[in-house]
């Protein structure tokens, strides 16, 4: 049997070599640009694509903003990268949770995303977050991503944030 045929087993050394070659082909051993080494580079990238943020404090807080899909956050298909969707969902969900729970310390416990349609490069996407449930120790938010021109739902996300308990001394 040849290496490419089904049923052929690679030796552990060959398997490691093939895996390493795969990651090198992806550029995993390449150095990041100096701008990515800045302490707040991740947040700066997320903030760079967000615009026109509005906070509504009606009965329950609601955060609305717009994303402009630029080349910096697209994948090889020229659509909004899934990681960028997750980063924006986390940031906007956290802002909504903080609007509901105040300035208490909290952390992301769970994030689920449904990728329903693609947002193409140079398109605008409306993002809206709202509270699903707020308790003493948990805040659950939902975040919807809709194309600005057609109002088509592209991505929907649910984020669970846990509120840190106050230390008693």
C-alpha atoms as a PDB file:
ATOM      1  CA  UNK A   1       0.000   0.000   0.000  1.00  0.00           C
ATOM      2  CA  UNK A   2       1.173   3.521  -0.778  1.00  0.00           C
ATOM      3  CA  UNK A   3       1.113   6.367   1.729  1.00  0.00           C
ATOM      4  CA  UNK A   4      -2.026   7.970   0.229  1.00  0.00           C
ATOM      5  CA  UNK A   5      -4.104   4.775   0.174  1.00  0.00           C
ATOM      6  CA  UNK A   6      -6.774   4.101   2.782  1.00  0.00           C
ATOM      7  CA  UNK A   7      -5.687   1.722   5.490  1.00  0.00           C
ATOM      8  CA  UNK A   8      -2.018   2.773   5.405  1.00  0.00           C
ATOM      9  CA  UNK A   9      -0.715   3.674   8.854  1.00  0.00           C
ATOM     10  CA  UNK A  10       1.990   6.264   9.331  1.00  0.00           C
ATOM     11  CA  UNK A  11       4.664   5.701  11.895  1.00  0.00           C
ATOM     12  CA  UNK A  12       4.521   8.078  14.885  1.00  0.00           C
ATOM     13  CA  UNK A  13       7.589   9.929  13.560  1.00  0.00           C
ATOM     14  CA  UNK A  14       6.017  10.315  10.081  1.00  0.00           C
ATOM     15  CA  UNK A  15       2.737  11.424  11.626  1.00  0.00           C
ATOM     16  CA  UNK A  16       4.542  14.130  13.639  1.00  0.00           C
ATOM     17  CA  UNK A  17       6.391  15.281  10.512  1.00  0.00           C
ATOM     18  CA  UNK A  18       3.165  15.533   8.474  1.00  0.00           C
ATOM     19  CA  UNK A  19       1.420  17.437  11.284  1.00  0.00           C
ATOM     20  CA  UNK A  20       4.344  19.828  11.703  1.00  0.00           C
ATOM     21  CA  UNK A  21       4.426  20.453   7.925  1.00  0.00           C
ATOM     22  CA  UNK A  22       0.691  21.215   8.009  1.00  0.00           C
ATOM     23  CA  UNK A  23       1.097  23.858  10.738  1.00  0.00           C
ATOM     24  CA  UNK A  24       4.139  25.397   9.040  1.00  0.00           C
ATOM     25  CA  UNK A  25       2.154  25.680   5.798  1.00  0.00           C
ATOM     26  CA  UNK A  26      -0.460  27.653   7.762  1.00  0.00           C
ATOM     27  CA  UNK A  27       2.272  30.023   8.968  1.00  0.00           C
ATOM     28  CA  UNK A  28       2.115  28.894  12.599  1.00  0.00           C
ATOM     29  CA  UNK A  29       5.848  29.463  13.111  1.00  0.00           C
ATOM     30  CA  UNK A  30       5.841  32.960  11.554  1.00  0.00           C
ATOM     31  CA  UNK A  31       6.472  35.962  13.797  1.00  0.00           C
ATOM     32  CA  UNK A  32       3.564  38.272  14.508  1.00  0.00           C
ATOM     33  CA  UNK A  33       3.920  41.898  13.408  1.00  0.00           C
ATOM     34  CA  UNK A  34       5.110  44.330  16.082  1.00  0.00           C
ATOM     35  CA  UNK A  35       1.639  45.908  16.283  1.00  0.00           C
ATOM     36  CA  UNK A  36       0.260  42.582  17.548  1.00  0.00           C
ATOM     37  CA  UNK A  37       2.727  42.582  20.440  1.00  0.00           C
ATOM     38  CA  UNK A  38       1.114  45.649  22.012  1.00  0.00           C
ATOM     39  CA  UNK A  39      -0.607  44.947  25.356  1.00  0.00           C
ATOM     40  CA  UNK A  40      -4.090  45.889  24.090  1.00  0.00           C
ATOM     41  CA  UNK A  41      -3.850  44.814  20.422  1.00  0.00           C
ATOM     42  CA  UNK A  42      -6.863  42.483  20.630  1.00  0.00           C
ATOM     43  CA  UNK A  43      -9.182  45.152  22.063  1.00  0.00           C
ATOM     44  CA  UNK A  44      -7.885  47.733  19.574  1.00  0.00           C
ATOM     45  CA  UNK A  45      -8.781  45.424  16.663  1.00  0.00           C
ATOM     46  CA  UNK A  46     -12.323  44.931  17.987  1.00  0.00           C
ATOM     47  CA  UNK A  47     -12.768  48.669  18.671  1.00  0.00           C
ATOM     48  CA  UNK A  48     -11.487  49.507  15.181  1.00  0.00           C
ATOM     49  CA  UNK A  49     -14.408  47.780  13.467  1.00  0.00           C
ATOM     50  CA  UNK A  50     -17.165  48.992  15.843  1.00  0.00           C
ATOM     51  CA  UNK A  51     -18.953  52.281  15.258  1.00  0.00           C
ATOM     52  CA  UNK A  52     -22.121  54.186  16.170  1.00  0.00           C
ATOM     53  CA  UNK A  53     -22.563  52.581  19.575  1.00  0.00           C
ATOM     54  CA  UNK A  54     -25.856  53.318  21.343  1.00  0.00           C
ATOM     55  CA  UNK A  55     -26.949  52.216  24.805  1.00  0.00           C
ATOM     56  CA  UNK A  56     -30.619  52.035  25.714  1.00  0.00           C
ATOM     57  CA  UNK A  57     -31.478  51.762  29.398  1.00  0.00           C
ATOM     58  CA  UNK A  58     -35.195  51.117  29.006  1.00  0.00           C
ATOM     59  CA  UNK A  59     -36.570  48.358  31.246  1.00  0.00           C
ATOM     60  CA  UNK A  60     -33.600  46.184  30.281  1.00  0.00           C
ATOM     61  CA  UNK A  61     -30.318  47.435  28.848  1.00  0.00           C
ATOM     62  CA  UNK A  62     -29.799  47.127  25.097  1.00  0.00           C
ATOM     63  CA  UNK A  63     -26.567  47.852  23.215  1.00  0.00           C
ATOM     64  CA  UNK A  64     -26.588  48.617  19.482  1.00  0.00           C
ATOM     65  CA  UNK A  65     -23.620  49.228  17.209  1.00  0.00           C
ATOM     66  CA  UNK A  66     -22.440  48.759  13.643  1.00  0.00           C
ATOM     67  CA  UNK A  67     -19.538  46.740  12.277  1.00  0.00           C
ATOM     68  CA  UNK A  68     -17.889  47.638   9.003  1.00  0.00           C
ATOM     69  CA  UNK A  69     -16.387  44.429   7.604  1.00  0.00           C
ATOM     70  CA  UNK A  70     -12.835  45.358   6.596  1.00  0.00           C
ATOM     71  CA  UNK A  71     -10.061  43.210   5.123  1.00  0.00           C
ATOM     72  CA  UNK A  72      -8.416  43.028   8.559  1.00  0.00           C
ATOM     73  CA  UNK A  73     -11.237  40.801   9.864  1.00  0.00           C
ATOM     74  CA  UNK A  74     -12.103  38.663   6.830  1.00  0.00           C
ATOM     75  CA  UNK A  75     -11.249  35.053   6.079  1.00  0.00           C
ATOM     76  CA  UNK A  76     -10.079  33.460   2.821  1.00  0.00           C
ATOM     77  CA  UNK A  77     -13.655  33.616   1.482  1.00  0.00           C
ATOM     78  CA  UNK A  78     -13.657  37.422   1.899  1.00  0.00           C
ATOM     79  CA  UNK A  79     -16.357  37.239   4.588  1.00  0.00           C
ATOM     80  CA  UNK A  80     -16.328  38.195   8.265  1.00  0.00           C
ATOM     81  CA  UNK A  81     -14.030  35.813  10.132  1.00  0.00           C
ATOM     82  CA  UNK A  82     -15.689  33.609  12.756  1.00  0.00           C
ATOM     83  CA  UNK A  83     -13.146  34.680  15.352  1.00  0.00           C
ATOM     84  CA  UNK A  84     -14.040  38.324  14.733  1.00  0.00           C
ATOM     85  CA  UNK A  85     -17.722  37.470  15.213  1.00  0.00           C
ATOM     86  CA  UNK A  86     -16.856  35.823  18.544  1.00  0.00           C
ATOM     87  CA  UNK A  87     -14.669  38.742  19.660  1.00  0.00           C
ATOM     88  CA  UNK A  88     -17.379  41.303  18.876  1.00  0.00           C
ATOM     89  CA  UNK A  89     -20.061  39.130  20.506  1.00  0.00           C
ATOM     90  CA  UNK A  90     -17.970  38.906  23.682  1.00  0.00           C
ATOM     91  CA  UNK A  91     -17.228  42.655  23.790  1.00  0.00           C
ATOM     92  CA  UNK A  92     -20.786  43.811  23.068  1.00  0.00           C
ATOM     93  CA  UNK A  93     -22.271  41.132  25.347  1.00  0.00           C
ATOM     94  CA  UNK A  94     -19.949  42.200  28.181  1.00  0.00           C
ATOM     95  CA  UNK A  95     -20.963  45.848  27.695  1.00  0.00           C
ATOM     96  CA  UNK A  96     -24.626  44.853  27.926  1.00  0.00           C
ATOM     97  CA  UNK A  97     -24.007  42.696  31.019  1.00  0.00           C
ATOM     98  CA  UNK A  98     -22.132  45.559  32.717  1.00  0.00           C
ATOM     99  CA  UNK A  99     -25.005  47.924  31.914  1.00  0.00           C
ATOM    100  CA  UNK A 100     -27.331  45.510  33.725  1.00  0.00           C
ATOM    101  CA  UNK A 101     -25.116  44.479  36.661  1.00  0.00           C
ATOM    102  CA  UNK A 102     -23.163  47.671  37.234  1.00  0.00           C
ATOM    103  CA  UNK A 103     -19.398  47.880  37.442  1.00  0.00           C
ATOM    104  CA  UNK A 104     -19.043  44.547  39.215  1.00  0.00           C
ATOM    105  CA  UNK A 105     -16.236  42.236  38.198  1.00  0.00           C
ATOM    106  CA  UNK A 106     -17.391  39.444  35.876  1.00  0.00           C
ATOM    107  CA  UNK A 107     -16.008  36.945  33.413  1.00  0.00           C
ATOM    108  CA  UNK A 108     -17.228  35.119  30.324  1.00  0.00           C
ATOM    109  CA  UNK A 109     -18.310  31.597  31.202  1.00  0.00           C
ATOM    110  CA  UNK A 110     -19.871  30.423  27.960  1.00  0.00           C
ATOM    111  CA  UNK A 111     -20.242  31.732  24.425  1.00  0.00           C
ATOM    112  CA  UNK A 112     -22.224  29.993  21.709  1.00  0.00           C
ATOM    113  CA  UNK A 113     -22.584  31.278  18.167  1.00  0.00           C
ATOM    114  CA  UNK A 114     -24.762  30.200  15.260  1.00  0.00           C
ATOM    115  CA  UNK A 115     -23.236  31.133  11.903  1.00  0.00           C
ATOM    116  CA  UNK A 116     -26.323  31.454   9.679  1.00  0.00           C
ATOM    117  CA  UNK A 117     -25.105  33.535   6.720  1.00  0.00           C
ATOM    118  CA  UNK A 118     -21.951  35.366   5.689  1.00  0.00           C
ATOM    119  CA  UNK A 119     -21.232  39.087   5.857  1.00  0.00           C
ATOM    120  CA  UNK A 120     -19.076  40.077   2.891  1.00  0.00           C
ATOM    121  CA  UNK A 121     -16.132  42.459   2.970  1.00  0.00           C
ATOM    122  CA  UNK A 122     -17.115  46.168   2.882  1.00  0.00           C
ATOM    123  CA  UNK A 123     -20.639  45.404   4.134  1.00  0.00           C
ATOM    124  CA  UNK A 124     -22.115  46.888   7.292  1.00  0.00           C
ATOM    125  CA  UNK A 125     -23.592  44.728  10.026  1.00  0.00           C
ATOM    126  CA  UNK A 126     -25.882  45.936  12.822  1.00  0.00           C
ATOM    127  CA  UNK A 127     -25.115  44.289  16.166  1.00  0.00           C
ATOM    128  CA  UNK A 128     -27.639  44.333  19.004  1.00  0.00           C
ATOM    129  CA  UNK A 129     -27.202  42.846  22.471  1.00  0.00           C
ATOM    130  CA  UNK A 130     -29.865  42.472  25.118  1.00  0.00           C
ATOM    131  CA  UNK A 131     -30.311  40.740  28.457  1.00  0.00           C
ATOM    132  CA  UNK A 132     -32.044  37.363  28.493  1.00  0.00           C
ATOM    133  CA  UNK A 133     -31.665  36.723  32.203  1.00  0.00           C
ATOM    134  CA  UNK A 134     -30.045  38.492  35.128  1.00  0.00           C
ATOM    135  CA  UNK A 135     -29.529  36.914  38.510  1.00  0.00           C
ATOM    136  CA  UNK A 136     -27.325  37.570  41.528  1.00  0.00           C
ATOM    137  CA  UNK A 137     -24.374  35.667  40.093  1.00  0.00           C
ATOM    138  CA  UNK A 138     -25.069  35.321  36.374  1.00  0.00           C
ATOM    139  CA  UNK A 139     -26.083  37.485  33.400  1.00  0.00           C
ATOM    140  CA  UNK A 140     -27.120  35.880  30.105  1.00  0.00           C
ATOM    141  CA  UNK A 141     -27.120  38.021  26.964  1.00  0.00           C
ATOM    142  CA  UNK A 142     -28.129  37.446  23.368  1.00  0.00           C
ATOM    143  CA  UNK A 143     -26.324  39.177  20.519  1.00  0.00           C
ATOM    144  CA  UNK A 144     -27.760  39.378  16.982  1.00  0.00           C
ATOM    145  CA  UNK A 145     -25.793  40.358  13.866  1.00  0.00           C
ATOM    146  CA  UNK A 146     -27.923  41.585  10.921  1.00  0.00           C
ATOM    147  CA  UNK A 147     -26.885  42.944   7.529  1.00  0.00           C
ATOM    148  CA  UNK A 148     -27.647  46.659   7.580  1.00  0.00           C
ATOM    149  CA  UNK A 149     -29.153  46.861   4.088  1.00  0.00           C
ATOM    150  CA  UNK A 150     -31.358  43.717   4.095  1.00  0.00           C
ATOM    151  CA  UNK A 151     -31.836  43.135   7.866  1.00  0.00           C
ATOM    152  CA  UNK A 152     -30.958  39.474   7.221  1.00  0.00           C
ATOM    153  CA  UNK A 153     -29.791  37.645  10.377  1.00  0.00           C
ATOM    154  CA  UNK A 154     -26.184  36.522   9.808  1.00  0.00           C
ATOM    155  CA  UNK A 155     -24.992  35.401  13.236  1.00  0.00           C
ATOM    156  CA  UNK A 156     -26.639  34.981  16.591  1.00  0.00           C
ATOM    157  CA  UNK A 157     -24.859  34.470  19.868  1.00  0.00           C
ATOM    158  CA  UNK A 158     -25.623  33.746  23.504  1.00  0.00           C
ATOM    159  CA  UNK A 159     -23.097  34.718  26.168  1.00  0.00           C
ATOM    160  CA  UNK A 160     -23.162  33.799  29.856  1.00  0.00           C
ATOM    161  CA  UNK A 161     -21.235  36.049  32.226  1.00  0.00           C
ATOM    162  CA  UNK A 162     -20.571  35.111  35.832  1.00  0.00           C
ATOM    163  CA  UNK A 163     -20.442  37.863  38.435  1.00  0.00           C
ATOM    164  CA  UNK A 164     -17.547  37.526  40.868  1.00  0.00           C
ATOM    165  CA  UNK A 165     -18.706  37.310  44.486  1.00  0.00           C
ATOM    166  CA  UNK A 166     -17.693  40.162  46.746  1.00  0.00           C
ATOM    167  CA  UNK A 167     -15.042  39.089  49.242  1.00  0.00           C
ATOM    168  CA  UNK A 168     -16.090  39.332  52.852  1.00  0.00           C
ATOM    169  CA  UNK A 169     -13.317  40.190  55.271  1.00  0.00           C
END
